[in-house]
Amino acid sequence: KKAYFMIFRSKDSLKESLAKVEAEL
């Protein structure tokens, strides 16, 4: 669920969102 909202509901670019998921989850 956290990954979903970070990737698909963030205003960040897709590349940035994926990097955040990888770093934080």
PDBML (XML) file of the C-alpha atoms, coordinates in Angstrom:
<?xml version="1.0" encoding="UTF-8" ?>
<PDBx:datablock datablockName="MODEL"
   xmlns:PDBx="http://pdbml.pdb.org/schema/pdbx-v50.xsd"
   xmlns:xsi="http://www.w3.org/2001/XMLSchema-instance"
   xsi:schemaLocation="http://pdbml.pdb.org/schema/pdbx-v50.xsd pdbx-v50.xsd">
   <PDBx:atom_siteCategory>
      <PDBx:atom_site id="1">
         <PDBx:B_iso_or_equiv>0.00</PDBx:B_iso_or_equiv>
         <PDBx:Cartn_x>0.000</PDBx:Cartn_x>
         <PDBx:Cartn_y>0.000</PDBx:Cartn_y>
         <PDBx:Cartn_z>0.000</PDBx:Cartn_z>
         <PDBx:auth_asym_id>A</PDBx:auth_asym_id>
         <PDBx:auth_atom_id>CA</PDBx:auth_atom_id>
         <PDBx:auth_comp_id>LYS</PDBx:auth_comp_id>
         <PDBx:auth_seq_id>1</PDBx:auth_seq_id>
         <PDBx:group_PDB>ATOM</PDBx:group_PDB>
         <PDBx:label_alt_id xsi:nil="true" />
         <PDBx:label_asym_id>A</PDBx:label_asym_id>
         <PDBx:label_atom_id>CA</PDBx:label_atom_id>
         <PDBx:label_comp_id>LYS</PDBx:label_comp_id>
         <PDBx:label_entity_id>1</PDBx:label_entity_id>
         <PDBx:label_seq_id>1</PDBx:label_seq_id>
         <PDBx:occupancy>1.00</PDBx:occupancy>
         <PDBx:pdbx_PDB_model_num>1</PDBx:pdbx_PDB_model_num>
         <PDBx:type_symbol>C</PDBx:type_symbol>
      </PDBx:atom_site>
      <PDBx:atom_site id="2">
         <PDBx:B_iso_or_equiv>0.00</PDBx:B_iso_or_equiv>
         <PDBx:Cartn_x>2.802</PDBx:Cartn_x>
         <PDBx:Cartn_y>2.402</PDBx:Cartn_y>
         <PDBx:Cartn_z>0.852</PDBx:Cartn_z>
         <PDBx:auth_asym_id>A</PDBx:auth_asym_id>
         <PDBx:auth_atom_id>CA</PDBx:auth_atom_id>
         <PDBx:auth_comp_id>LYS</PDBx:auth_comp_id>
         <PDBx:auth_seq_id>2</PDBx:auth_seq_id>
         <PDBx:group_PDB>ATOM</PDBx:group_PDB>
         <PDBx:label_alt_id xsi:nil="true" />
         <PDBx:label_asym_id>A</PDBx:label_asym_id>
         <PDBx:label_atom_id>CA</PDBx:label_atom_id>
         <PDBx:label_comp_id>LYS</PDBx:label_comp_id>
         <PDBx:label_entity_id>1</PDBx:label_entity_id>
         <PDBx:label_seq_id>2</PDBx:label_seq_id>
         <PDBx:occupancy>1.00</PDBx:occupancy>
         <PDBx:pdbx_PDB_model_num>1</PDBx:pdbx_PDB_model_num>
         <PDBx:type_symbol>C</PDBx:type_symbol>
      </PDBx:atom_site>
      <PDBx:atom_site id="3">
         <PDBx:B_iso_or_equiv>0.00</PDBx:B_iso_or_equiv>
         <PDBx:Cartn_x>4.588</PDBx:Cartn_x>
         <PDBx:Cartn_y>1.554</PDBx:Cartn_y>
         <PDBx:Cartn_z>-2.385</PDBx:Cartn_z>
         <PDBx:auth_asym_id>A</PDBx:auth_asym_id>
         <PDBx:auth_atom_id>CA</PDBx:auth_atom_id>
         <PDBx:auth_comp_id>ALA</PDBx:auth_comp_id>
         <PDBx:auth_seq_id>3</PDBx:auth_seq_id>
         <PDBx:group_PDB>ATOM</PDBx:group_PDB>
         <PDBx:label_alt_id xsi:nil="true" />
         <PDBx:label_asym_id>A</PDBx:label_asym_id>
         <PDBx:label_atom_id>CA</PDBx:label_atom_id>
         <PDBx:label_comp_id>ALA</PDBx:label_comp_id>
         <PDBx:label_entity_id>1</PDBx:label_entity_id>
         <PDBx:label_seq_id>3</PDBx:label_seq_id>
         <PDBx:occupancy>1.00</PDBx:occupancy>
         <PDBx:pdbx_PDB_model_num>1</PDBx:pdbx_PDB_model_num>
         <PDBx:type_symbol>C</PDBx:type_symbol>
      </PDBx:atom_site>
      <PDBx:atom_site id="4">
         <PDBx:B_iso_or_equiv>0.00</PDBx:B_iso_or_equiv>
         <PDBx:Cartn_x>1.387</PDBx:Cartn_x>
         <PDBx:Cartn_y>2.076</PDBx:Cartn_y>
         <PDBx:Cartn_z>-4.366</PDBx:Cartn_z>
         <PDBx:auth_asym_id>A</PDBx:auth_asym_id>
         <PDBx:auth_atom_id>CA</PDBx:auth_atom_id>
         <PDBx:auth_comp_id>TYR</PDBx:auth_comp_id>
         <PDBx:auth_seq_id>4</PDBx:auth_seq_id>
         <PDBx:group_PDB>ATOM</PDBx:group_PDB>
         <PDBx:label_alt_id xsi:nil="true" />
         <PDBx:label_asym_id>A</PDBx:label_asym_id>
         <PDBx:label_atom_id>CA</PDBx:label_atom_id>
         <PDBx:label_comp_id>TYR</PDBx:label_comp_id>
         <PDBx:label_entity_id>1</PDBx:label_entity_id>
         <PDBx:label_seq_id>4</PDBx:label_seq_id>
         <PDBx:occupancy>1.00</PDBx:occupancy>
         <PDBx:pdbx_PDB_model_num>1</PDBx:pdbx_PDB_model_num>
         <PDBx:type_symbol>C</PDBx:type_symbol>
      </PDBx:atom_site>
      <PDBx:atom_site id="5">
         <PDBx:B_iso_or_equiv>0.00</PDBx:B_iso_or_equiv>
         <PDBx:Cartn_x>0.795</PDBx:Cartn_x>
         <PDBx:Cartn_y>5.570</PDBx:Cartn_y>
         <PDBx:Cartn_z>-3.003</PDBx:Cartn_z>
         <PDBx:auth_asym_id>A</PDBx:auth_asym_id>
         <PDBx:auth_atom_id>CA</PDBx:auth_atom_id>
         <PDBx:auth_comp_id>PHE</PDBx:auth_comp_id>
         <PDBx:auth_seq_id>5</PDBx:auth_seq_id>
         <PDBx:group_PDB>ATOM</PDBx:group_PDB>
         <PDBx:label_alt_id xsi:nil="true" />
         <PDBx:label_asym_id>A</PDBx:label_asym_id>
         <PDBx:label_atom_id>CA</PDBx:label_atom_id>
         <PDBx:label_comp_id>PHE</PDBx:label_comp_id>
         <PDBx:label_entity_id>1</PDBx:label_entity_id>
         <PDBx:label_seq_id>5</PDBx:label_seq_id>
         <PDBx:occupancy>1.00</PDBx:occupancy>
         <PDBx:pdbx_PDB_model_num>1</PDBx:pdbx_PDB_model_num>
         <PDBx:type_symbol>C</PDBx:type_symbol>
      </PDBx:atom_site>
      <PDBx:atom_site id="6">
         <PDBx:B_iso_or_equiv>0.00</PDBx:B_iso_or_equiv>
         <PDBx:Cartn_x>4.454</PDBx:Cartn_x>
         <PDBx:Cartn_y>6.537</PDBx:Cartn_y>
         <PDBx:Cartn_z>-3.374</PDBx:Cartn_z>
         <PDBx:auth_asym_id>A</PDBx:auth_asym_id>
         <PDBx:auth_atom_id>CA</PDBx:auth_atom_id>
         <PDBx:auth_comp_id>MET</PDBx:auth_comp_id>
         <PDBx:auth_seq_id>6</PDBx:auth_seq_id>
         <PDBx:group_PDB>ATOM</PDBx:group_PDB>
         <PDBx:label_alt_id xsi:nil="true" />
         <PDBx:label_asym_id>A</PDBx:label_asym_id>
         <PDBx:label_atom_id>CA</PDBx:label_atom_id>
         <PDBx:label_comp_id>MET</PDBx:label_comp_id>
         <PDBx:label_entity_id>1</PDBx:label_entity_id>
         <PDBx:label_seq_id>6</PDBx:label_seq_id>
         <PDBx:occupancy>1.00</PDBx:occupancy>
         <PDBx:pdbx_PDB_model_num>1</PDBx:pdbx_PDB_model_num>
         <PDBx:type_symbol>C</PDBx:type_symbol>
      </PDBx:atom_site>
      <PDBx:atom_site id="7">
         <PDBx:B_iso_or_equiv>0.00</PDBx:B_iso_or_equiv>
         <PDBx:Cartn_x>4.528</PDBx:Cartn_x>
         <PDBx:Cartn_y>5.447</PDBx:Cartn_y>
         <PDBx:Cartn_z>-7.018</PDBx:Cartn_z>
         <PDBx:auth_asym_id>A</PDBx:auth_asym_id>
         <PDBx:auth_atom_id>CA</PDBx:auth_atom_id>
         <PDBx:auth_comp_id>ILE</PDBx:auth_comp_id>
         <PDBx:auth_seq_id>7</PDBx:auth_seq_id>
         <PDBx:group_PDB>ATOM</PDBx:group_PDB>
         <PDBx:label_alt_id xsi:nil="true" />
         <PDBx:label_asym_id>A</PDBx:label_asym_id>
         <PDBx:label_atom_id>CA</PDBx:label_atom_id>
         <PDBx:label_comp_id>ILE</PDBx:label_comp_id>
         <PDBx:label_entity_id>1</PDBx:label_entity_id>
         <PDBx:label_seq_id>7</PDBx:label_seq_id>
         <PDBx:occupancy>1.00</PDBx:occupancy>
         <PDBx:pdbx_PDB_model_num>1</PDBx:pdbx_PDB_model_num>
         <PDBx:type_symbol>C</PDBx:type_symbol>
      </PDBx:atom_site>
      <PDBx:atom_site id="8">
         <PDBx:B_iso_or_equiv>0.00</PDBx:B_iso_or_equiv>
         <PDBx:Cartn_x>1.059</PDBx:Cartn_x>
         <PDBx:Cartn_y>6.162</PDBx:Cartn_y>
         <PDBx:Cartn_z>-8.355</PDBx:Cartn_z>
         <PDBx:auth_asym_id>A</PDBx:auth_asym_id>
         <PDBx:auth_atom_id>CA</PDBx:auth_atom_id>
         <PDBx:auth_comp_id>PHE</PDBx:auth_comp_id>
         <PDBx:auth_seq_id>8</PDBx:auth_seq_id>
         <PDBx:group_PDB>ATOM</PDBx:group_PDB>
         <PDBx:label_alt_id xsi:nil="true" />
         <PDBx:label_asym_id>A</PDBx:label_asym_id>
         <PDBx:label_atom_id>CA</PDBx:label_atom_id>
         <PDBx:label_comp_id>PHE</PDBx:label_comp_id>
         <PDBx:label_entity_id>1</PDBx:label_entity_id>
         <PDBx:label_seq_id>8</PDBx:label_seq_id>
         <PDBx:occupancy>1.00</PDBx:occupancy>
         <PDBx:pdbx_PDB_model_num>1</PDBx:pdbx_PDB_model_num>
         <PDBx:type_symbol>C</PDBx:type_symbol>
      </PDBx:atom_site>
      <PDBx:atom_site id="9">
         <PDBx:B_iso_or_equiv>0.00</PDBx:B_iso_or_equiv>
         <PDBx:Cartn_x>-0.226</PDBx:Cartn_x>
         <PDBx:Cartn_y>9.035</PDBx:Cartn_y>
         <PDBx:Cartn_z>-6.233</PDBx:Cartn_z>
         <PDBx:auth_asym_id>A</PDBx:auth_asym_id>
         <PDBx:auth_atom_id>CA</PDBx:auth_atom_id>
         <PDBx:auth_comp_id>ARG</PDBx:auth_comp_id>
         <PDBx:auth_seq_id>9</PDBx:auth_seq_id>
         <PDBx:group_PDB>ATOM</PDBx:group_PDB>
         <PDBx:label_alt_id xsi:nil="true" />
         <PDBx:label_asym_id>A</PDBx:label_asym_id>
         <PDBx:label_atom_id>CA</PDBx:label_atom_id>
         <PDBx:label_comp_id>ARG</PDBx:label_comp_id>
         <PDBx:label_entity_id>1</PDBx:label_entity_id>
         <PDBx:label_seq_id>9</PDBx:label_seq_id>
         <PDBx:occupancy>1.00</PDBx:occupancy>
         <PDBx:pdbx_PDB_model_num>1</PDBx:pdbx_PDB_model_num>
         <PDBx:type_symbol>C</PDBx:type_symbol>
      </PDBx:atom_site>
      <PDBx:atom_site id="10">
         <PDBx:B_iso_or_equiv>0.00</PDBx:B_iso_or_equiv>
         <PDBx:Cartn_x>2.918</PDBx:Cartn_x>
         <PDBx:Cartn_y>11.090</PDBx:Cartn_y>
         <PDBx:Cartn_z>-5.841</PDBx:Cartn_z>
         <PDBx:auth_asym_id>A</PDBx:auth_asym_id>
         <PDBx:auth_atom_id>CA</PDBx:auth_atom_id>
         <PDBx:auth_comp_id>SER</PDBx:auth_comp_id>
         <PDBx:auth_seq_id>10</PDBx:auth_seq_id>
         <PDBx:group_PDB>ATOM</PDBx:group_PDB>
         <PDBx:label_alt_id xsi:nil="true" />
         <PDBx:label_asym_id>A</PDBx:label_asym_id>
         <PDBx:label_atom_id>CA</PDBx:label_atom_id>
         <PDBx:label_comp_id>SER</PDBx:label_comp_id>
         <PDBx:label_entity_id>1</PDBx:label_entity_id>
         <PDBx:label_seq_id>10</PDBx:label_seq_id>
         <PDBx:occupancy>1.00</PDBx:occupancy>
         <PDBx:pdbx_PDB_model_num>1</PDBx:pdbx_PDB_model_num>
         <PDBx:type_symbol>C</PDBx:type_symbol>
      </PDBx:atom_site>
      <PDBx:atom_site id="11">
         <PDBx:B_iso_or_equiv>0.00</PDBx:B_iso_or_equiv>
         <PDBx:Cartn_x>3.628</PDBx:Cartn_x>
         <PDBx:Cartn_y>14.288</PDBx:Cartn_y>
         <PDBx:Cartn_z>-7.750</PDBx:Cartn_z>
         <PDBx:auth_asym_id>A</PDBx:auth_asym_id>
         <PDBx:auth_atom_id>CA</PDBx:auth_atom_id>
         <PDBx:auth_comp_id>LYS</PDBx:auth_comp_id>
         <PDBx:auth_seq_id>11</PDBx:auth_seq_id>
         <PDBx:group_PDB>ATOM</PDBx:group_PDB>
         <PDBx:label_alt_id xsi:nil="true" />
         <PDBx:label_asym_id>A</PDBx:label_asym_id>
         <PDBx:label_atom_id>CA</PDBx:label_atom_id>
         <PDBx:label_comp_id>LYS</PDBx:label_comp_id>
         <PDBx:label_entity_id>1</PDBx:label_entity_id>
         <PDBx:label_seq_id>11</PDBx:label_seq_id>
         <PDBx:occupancy>1.00</PDBx:occupancy>
         <PDBx:pdbx_PDB_model_num>1</PDBx:pdbx_PDB_model_num>
         <PDBx:type_symbol>C</PDBx:type_symbol>
      </PDBx:atom_site>
      <PDBx:atom_site id="12">
         <PDBx:B_iso_or_equiv>0.00</PDBx:B_iso_or_equiv>
         <PDBx:Cartn_x>7.212</PDBx:Cartn_x>
         <PDBx:Cartn_y>13.122</PDBx:Cartn_y>
         <PDBx:Cartn_z>-8.206</PDBx:Cartn_z>
         <PDBx:auth_asym_id>A</PDBx:auth_asym_id>
         <PDBx:auth_atom_id>CA</PDBx:auth_atom_id>
         <PDBx:auth_comp_id>ASP</PDBx:auth_comp_id>
         <PDBx:auth_seq_id>12</PDBx:auth_seq_id>
         <PDBx:group_PDB>ATOM</PDBx:group_PDB>
         <PDBx:label_alt_id xsi:nil="true" />
         <PDBx:label_asym_id>A</PDBx:label_asym_id>
         <PDBx:label_atom_id>CA</PDBx:label_atom_id>
         <PDBx:label_comp_id>ASP</PDBx:label_comp_id>
         <PDBx:label_entity_id>1</PDBx:label_entity_id>
         <PDBx:label_seq_id>12</PDBx:label_seq_id>
         <PDBx:occupancy>1.00</PDBx:occupancy>
         <PDBx:pdbx_PDB_model_num>1</PDBx:pdbx_PDB_model_num>
         <PDBx:type_symbol>C</PDBx:type_symbol>
      </PDBx:atom_site>
      <PDBx:atom_site id="13">
         <PDBx:B_iso_or_equiv>0.00</PDBx:B_iso_or_equiv>
         <PDBx:Cartn_x>8.393</PDBx:Cartn_x>
         <PDBx:Cartn_y>11.698</PDBx:Cartn_y>
         <PDBx:Cartn_z>-11.497</PDBx:Cartn_z>
         <PDBx:auth_asym_id>A</PDBx:auth_asym_id>
         <PDBx:auth_atom_id>CA</PDBx:auth_atom_id>
         <PDBx:auth_comp_id>SER</PDBx:auth_comp_id>
         <PDBx:auth_seq_id>13</PDBx:auth_seq_id>
         <PDBx:group_PDB>ATOM</PDBx:group_PDB>
         <PDBx:label_alt_id xsi:nil="true" />
         <PDBx:label_asym_id>A</PDBx:label_asym_id>
         <PDBx:label_atom_id>CA</PDBx:label_atom_id>
         <PDBx:label_comp_id>SER</PDBx:label_comp_id>
         <PDBx:label_entity_id>1</PDBx:label_entity_id>
         <PDBx:label_seq_id>13</PDBx:label_seq_id>
         <PDBx:occupancy>1.00</PDBx:occupancy>
         <PDBx:pdbx_PDB_model_num>1</PDBx:pdbx_PDB_model_num>
         <PDBx:type_symbol>C</PDBx:type_symbol>
      </PDBx:atom_site>
      <PDBx:atom_site id="14">
         <PDBx:B_iso_or_equiv>0.00</PDBx:B_iso_or_equiv>
         <PDBx:Cartn_x>8.092</PDBx:Cartn_x>
         <PDBx:Cartn_y>7.947</PDBx:Cartn_y>
         <PDBx:Cartn_z>-11.898</PDBx:Cartn_z>
         <PDBx:auth_asym_id>A</PDBx:auth_asym_id>
         <PDBx:auth_atom_id>CA</PDBx:auth_atom_id>
         <PDBx:auth_comp_id>LEU</PDBx:auth_comp_id>
         <PDBx:auth_seq_id>14</PDBx:auth_seq_id>
         <PDBx:group_PDB>ATOM</PDBx:group_PDB>
         <PDBx:label_alt_id xsi:nil="true" />
         <PDBx:label_asym_id>A</PDBx:label_asym_id>
         <PDBx:label_atom_id>CA</PDBx:label_atom_id>
         <PDBx:label_comp_id>LEU</PDBx:label_comp_id>
         <PDBx:label_entity_id>1</PDBx:label_entity_id>
         <PDBx:label_seq_id>14</PDBx:label_seq_id>
         <PDBx:occupancy>1.00</PDBx:occupancy>
         <PDBx:pdbx_PDB_model_num>1</PDBx:pdbx_PDB_model_num>
         <PDBx:type_symbol>C</PDBx:type_symbol>
      </PDBx:atom_site>
      <PDBx:atom_site id="15">
         <PDBx:B_iso_or_equiv>0.00</PDBx:B_iso_or_equiv>
         <PDBx:Cartn_x>11.867</PDBx:Cartn_x>
         <PDBx:Cartn_y>7.580</PDBx:Cartn_y>
         <PDBx:Cartn_z>-11.717</PDBx:Cartn_z>
         <PDBx:auth_asym_id>A</PDBx:auth_asym_id>
         <PDBx:auth_atom_id>CA</PDBx:auth_atom_id>
         <PDBx:auth_comp_id>LYS</PDBx:auth_comp_id>
         <PDBx:auth_seq_id>15</PDBx:auth_seq_id>
         <PDBx:group_PDB>ATOM</PDBx:group_PDB>
         <PDBx:label_alt_id xsi:nil="true" />
         <PDBx:label_asym_id>A</PDBx:label_asym_id>
         <PDBx:label_atom_id>CA</PDBx:label_atom_id>
         <PDBx:label_comp_id>LYS</PDBx:label_comp_id>
         <PDBx:label_entity_id>1</PDBx:label_entity_id>
         <PDBx:label_seq_id>15</PDBx:label_seq_id>
         <PDBx:occupancy>1.00</PDBx:occupancy>
         <PDBx:pdbx_PDB_model_num>1</PDBx:pdbx_PDB_model_num>
         <PDBx:type_symbol>C</PDBx:type_symbol>
      </PDBx:atom_site>
      <PDBx:atom_site id="16">
         <PDBx:B_iso_or_equiv>0.00</PDBx:B_iso_or_equiv>
         <PDBx:Cartn_x>11.998</PDBx:Cartn_x>
         <PDBx:Cartn_y>9.554</PDBx:Cartn_y>
         <PDBx:Cartn_z>-8.467</PDBx:Cartn_z>
         <PDBx:auth_asym_id>A</PDBx:auth_asym_id>
         <PDBx:auth_atom_id>CA</PDBx:auth_atom_id>
         <PDBx:auth_comp_id>GLU</PDBx:auth_comp_id>
         <PDBx:auth_seq_id>16</PDBx:auth_seq_id>
         <PDBx:group_PDB>ATOM</PDBx:group_PDB>
         <PDBx:label_alt_id xsi:nil="true" />
         <PDBx:label_asym_id>A</PDBx:label_asym_id>
         <PDBx:label_atom_id>CA</PDBx:label_atom_id>
         <PDBx:label_comp_id>GLU</PDBx:label_comp_id>
         <PDBx:label_entity_id>1</PDBx:label_entity_id>
         <PDBx:label_seq_id>16</PDBx:label_seq_id>
         <PDBx:occupancy>1.00</PDBx:occupancy>
         <PDBx:pdbx_PDB_model_num>1</PDBx:pdbx_PDB_model_num>
         <PDBx:type_symbol>C</PDBx:type_symbol>
      </PDBx:atom_site>
      <PDBx:atom_site id="17">
         <PDBx:B_iso_or_equiv>0.00</PDBx:B_iso_or_equiv>
         <PDBx:Cartn_x>9.095</PDBx:Cartn_x>
         <PDBx:Cartn_y>7.606</PDBx:Cartn_y>
         <PDBx:Cartn_z>-6.968</PDBx:Cartn_z>
         <PDBx:auth_asym_id>A</PDBx:auth_asym_id>
         <PDBx:auth_atom_id>CA</PDBx:auth_atom_id>
         <PDBx:auth_comp_id>SER</PDBx:auth_comp_id>
         <PDBx:auth_seq_id>17</PDBx:auth_seq_id>
         <PDBx:group_PDB>ATOM</PDBx:group_PDB>
         <PDBx:label_alt_id xsi:nil="true" />
         <PDBx:label_asym_id>A</PDBx:label_asym_id>
         <PDBx:label_atom_id>CA</PDBx:label_atom_id>
         <PDBx:label_comp_id>SER</PDBx:label_comp_id>
         <PDBx:label_entity_id>1</PDBx:label_entity_id>
         <PDBx:label_seq_id>17</PDBx:label_seq_id>
         <PDBx:occupancy>1.00</PDBx:occupancy>
         <PDBx:pdbx_PDB_model_num>1</PDBx:pdbx_PDB_model_num>
         <PDBx:type_symbol>C</PDBx:type_symbol>
      </PDBx:atom_site>
      <PDBx:atom_site id="18">
         <PDBx:B_iso_or_equiv>0.00</PDBx:B_iso_or_equiv>
         <PDBx:Cartn_x>10.709</PDBx:Cartn_x>
         <PDBx:Cartn_y>4.259</PDBx:Cartn_y>
         <PDBx:Cartn_z>-7.709</PDBx:Cartn_z>
         <PDBx:auth_asym_id>A</PDBx:auth_asym_id>
         <PDBx:auth_atom_id>CA</PDBx:auth_atom_id>
         <PDBx:auth_comp_id>LEU</PDBx:auth_comp_id>
         <PDBx:auth_seq_id>18</PDBx:auth_seq_id>
         <PDBx:group_PDB>ATOM</PDBx:group_PDB>
         <PDBx:label_alt_id xsi:nil="true" />
         <PDBx:label_asym_id>A</PDBx:label_asym_id>
         <PDBx:label_atom_id>CA</PDBx:label_atom_id>
         <PDBx:label_comp_id>LEU</PDBx:label_comp_id>
         <PDBx:label_entity_id>1</PDBx:label_entity_id>
         <PDBx:label_seq_id>18</PDBx:label_seq_id>
         <PDBx:occupancy>1.00</PDBx:occupancy>
         <PDBx:pdbx_PDB_model_num>1</PDBx:pdbx_PDB_model_num>
         <PDBx:type_symbol>C</PDBx:type_symbol>
      </PDBx:atom_site>
      <PDBx:atom_site id="19">
         <PDBx:B_iso_or_equiv>0.00</PDBx:B_iso_or_equiv>
         <PDBx:Cartn_x>13.957</PDBx:Cartn_x>
         <PDBx:Cartn_y>5.434</PDBx:Cartn_y>
         <PDBx:Cartn_z>-6.139</PDBx:Cartn_z>
         <PDBx:auth_asym_id>A</PDBx:auth_asym_id>
         <PDBx:auth_atom_id>CA</PDBx:auth_atom_id>
         <PDBx:auth_comp_id>ALA</PDBx:auth_comp_id>
         <PDBx:auth_seq_id>19</PDBx:auth_seq_id>
         <PDBx:group_PDB>ATOM</PDBx:group_PDB>
         <PDBx:label_alt_id xsi:nil="true" />
         <PDBx:label_asym_id>A</PDBx:label_asym_id>
         <PDBx:label_atom_id>CA</PDBx:label_atom_id>
         <PDBx:label_comp_id>ALA</PDBx:label_comp_id>
         <PDBx:label_entity_id>1</PDBx:label_entity_id>
         <PDBx:label_seq_id>19</PDBx:label_seq_id>
         <PDBx:occupancy>1.00</PDBx:occupancy>
         <PDBx:pdbx_PDB_model_num>1</PDBx:pdbx_PDB_model_num>
         <PDBx:type_symbol>C</PDBx:type_symbol>
      </PDBx:atom_site>
      <PDBx:atom_site id="20">
         <PDBx:B_iso_or_equiv>0.00</PDBx:B_iso_or_equiv>
         <PDBx:Cartn_x>12.113</PDBx:Cartn_x>
         <PDBx:Cartn_y>6.500</PDBx:Cartn_y>
         <PDBx:Cartn_z>-2.978</PDBx:Cartn_z>
         <PDBx:auth_asym_id>A</PDBx:auth_asym_id>
         <PDBx:auth_atom_id>CA</PDBx:auth_atom_id>
         <PDBx:auth_comp_id>LYS</PDBx:auth_comp_id>
         <PDBx:auth_seq_id>20</PDBx:auth_seq_id>
         <PDBx:group_PDB>ATOM</PDBx:group_PDB>
         <PDBx:label_alt_id xsi:nil="true" />
         <PDBx:label_asym_id>A</PDBx:label_asym_id>
         <PDBx:label_atom_id>CA</PDBx:label_atom_id>
         <PDBx:label_comp_id>LYS</PDBx:label_comp_id>
         <PDBx:label_entity_id>1</PDBx:label_entity_id>
         <PDBx:label_seq_id>20</PDBx:label_seq_id>
         <PDBx:occupancy>1.00</PDBx:occupancy>
         <PDBx:pdbx_PDB_model_num>1</PDBx:pdbx_PDB_model_num>
         <PDBx:type_symbol>C</PDBx:type_symbol>
      </PDBx:atom_site>
      <PDBx:atom_site id="21">
         <PDBx:B_iso_or_equiv>0.00</PDBx:B_iso_or_equiv>
         <PDBx:Cartn_x>10.353</PDBx:Cartn_x>
         <PDBx:Cartn_y>3.144</PDBx:Cartn_y>
         <PDBx:Cartn_z>-2.678</PDBx:Cartn_z>
         <PDBx:auth_asym_id>A</PDBx:auth_asym_id>
         <PDBx:auth_atom_id>CA</PDBx:auth_atom_id>
         <PDBx:auth_comp_id>VAL</PDBx:auth_comp_id>
         <PDBx:auth_seq_id>21</PDBx:auth_seq_id>
         <PDBx:group_PDB>ATOM</PDBx:group_PDB>
         <PDBx:label_alt_id xsi:nil="true" />
         <PDBx:label_asym_id>A</PDBx:label_asym_id>
         <PDBx:label_atom_id>CA</PDBx:label_atom_id>
         <PDBx:label_comp_id>VAL</PDBx:label_comp_id>
         <PDBx:label_entity_id>1</PDBx:label_entity_id>
         <PDBx:label_seq_id>21</PDBx:label_seq_id>
         <PDBx:occupancy>1.00</PDBx:occupancy>
         <PDBx:pdbx_PDB_model_num>1</PDBx:pdbx_PDB_model_num>
         <PDBx:type_symbol>C</PDBx:type_symbol>
      </PDBx:atom_site>
      <PDBx:atom_site id="22">
         <PDBx:B_iso_or_equiv>0.00</PDBx:B_iso_or_equiv>
         <PDBx:Cartn_x>13.673</PDBx:Cartn_x>
         <PDBx:Cartn_y>1.377</PDBx:Cartn_y>
         <PDBx:Cartn_z>-3.086</PDBx:Cartn_z>
         <PDBx:auth_asym_id>A</PDBx:auth_asym_id>
         <PDBx:auth_atom_id>CA</PDBx:auth_atom_id>
         <PDBx:auth_comp_id>GLU</PDBx:auth_comp_id>
         <PDBx:auth_seq_id>22</PDBx:auth_seq_id>
         <PDBx:group_PDB>ATOM</PDBx:group_PDB>
         <PDBx:label_alt_id xsi:nil="true" />
         <PDBx:label_asym_id>A</PDBx:label_asym_id>
         <PDBx:label_atom_id>CA</PDBx:label_atom_id>
         <PDBx:label_comp_id>GLU</PDBx:label_comp_id>
         <PDBx:label_entity_id>1</PDBx:label_entity_id>
         <PDBx:label_seq_id>22</PDBx:label_seq_id>
         <PDBx:occupancy>1.00</PDBx:occupancy>
         <PDBx:pdbx_PDB_model_num>1</PDBx:pdbx_PDB_model_num>
         <PDBx:type_symbol>C</PDBx:type_symbol>
      </PDBx:atom_site>
      <PDBx:atom_site id="23">
         <PDBx:B_iso_or_equiv>0.00</PDBx:B_iso_or_equiv>
         <PDBx:Cartn_x>15.332</PDBx:Cartn_x>
         <PDBx:Cartn_y>3.560</PDBx:Cartn_y>
         <PDBx:Cartn_z>-0.458</PDBx:Cartn_z>
         <PDBx:auth_asym_id>A</PDBx:auth_asym_id>
         <PDBx:auth_atom_id>CA</PDBx:auth_atom_id>
         <PDBx:auth_comp_id>ALA</PDBx:auth_comp_id>
         <PDBx:auth_seq_id>23</PDBx:auth_seq_id>
         <PDBx:group_PDB>ATOM</PDBx:group_PDB>
         <PDBx:label_alt_id xsi:nil="true" />
         <PDBx:label_asym_id>A</PDBx:label_asym_id>
         <PDBx:label_atom_id>CA</PDBx:label_atom_id>
         <PDBx:label_comp_id>ALA</PDBx:label_comp_id>
         <PDBx:label_entity_id>1</PDBx:label_entity_id>
         <PDBx:label_seq_id>23</PDBx:label_seq_id>
         <PDBx:occupancy>1.00</PDBx:occupancy>
         <PDBx:pdbx_PDB_model_num>1</PDBx:pdbx_PDB_model_num>
         <PDBx:type_symbol>C</PDBx:type_symbol>
      </PDBx:atom_site>
      <PDBx:atom_site id="24">
         <PDBx:B_iso_or_equiv>0.00</PDBx:B_iso_or_equiv>
         <PDBx:Cartn_x>12.559</PDBx:Cartn_x>
         <PDBx:Cartn_y>3.766</PDBx:Cartn_y>
         <PDBx:Cartn_z>2.140</PDBx:Cartn_z>
         <PDBx:auth_asym_id>A</PDBx:auth_asym_id>
         <PDBx:auth_atom_id>CA</PDBx:auth_atom_id>
         <PDBx:auth_comp_id>GLU</PDBx:auth_comp_id>
         <PDBx:auth_seq_id>24</PDBx:auth_seq_id>
         <PDBx:group_PDB>ATOM</PDBx:group_PDB>
         <PDBx:label_alt_id xsi:nil="true" />
         <PDBx:label_asym_id>A</PDBx:label_asym_id>
         <PDBx:label_atom_id>CA</PDBx:label_atom_id>
         <PDBx:label_comp_id>GLU</PDBx:label_comp_id>
         <PDBx:label_entity_id>1</PDBx:label_entity_id>
         <PDBx:label_seq_id>24</PDBx:label_seq_id>
         <PDBx:occupancy>1.00</PDBx:occupancy>
         <PDBx:pdbx_PDB_model_num>1</PDBx:pdbx_PDB_model_num>
         <PDBx:type_symbol>C</PDBx:type_symbol>
      </PDBx:atom_site>
      <PDBx:atom_site id="25">
         <PDBx:B_iso_or_equiv>0.00</PDBx:B_iso_or_equiv>
         <PDBx:Cartn_x>10.572</PDBx:Cartn_x>
         <PDBx:Cartn_y>0.509</PDBx:Cartn_y>
         <PDBx:Cartn_z>2.099</PDBx:Cartn_z>
         <PDBx:auth_asym_id>A</PDBx:auth_asym_id>
         <PDBx:auth_atom_id>CA</PDBx:auth_atom_id>
         <PDBx:auth_comp_id>LEU</PDBx:auth_comp_id>
         <PDBx:auth_seq_id>25</PDBx:auth_seq_id>
         <PDBx:group_PDB>ATOM</PDBx:group_PDB>
         <PDBx:label_alt_id xsi:nil="true" />
         <PDBx:label_asym_id>A</PDBx:label_asym_id>
         <PDBx:label_atom_id>CA</PDBx:label_atom_id>
         <PDBx:label_comp_id>LEU</PDBx:label_comp_id>
         <PDBx:label_entity_id>1</PDBx:label_entity_id>
         <PDBx:label_seq_id>25</PDBx:label_seq_id>
         <PDBx:occupancy>1.00</PDBx:occupancy>
         <PDBx:pdbx_PDB_model_num>1</PDBx:pdbx_PDB_model_num>
         <PDBx:type_symbol>C</PDBx:type_symbol>
      </PDBx:atom_site>
   </PDBx:atom_siteCategory>
</PDBx:datablock>
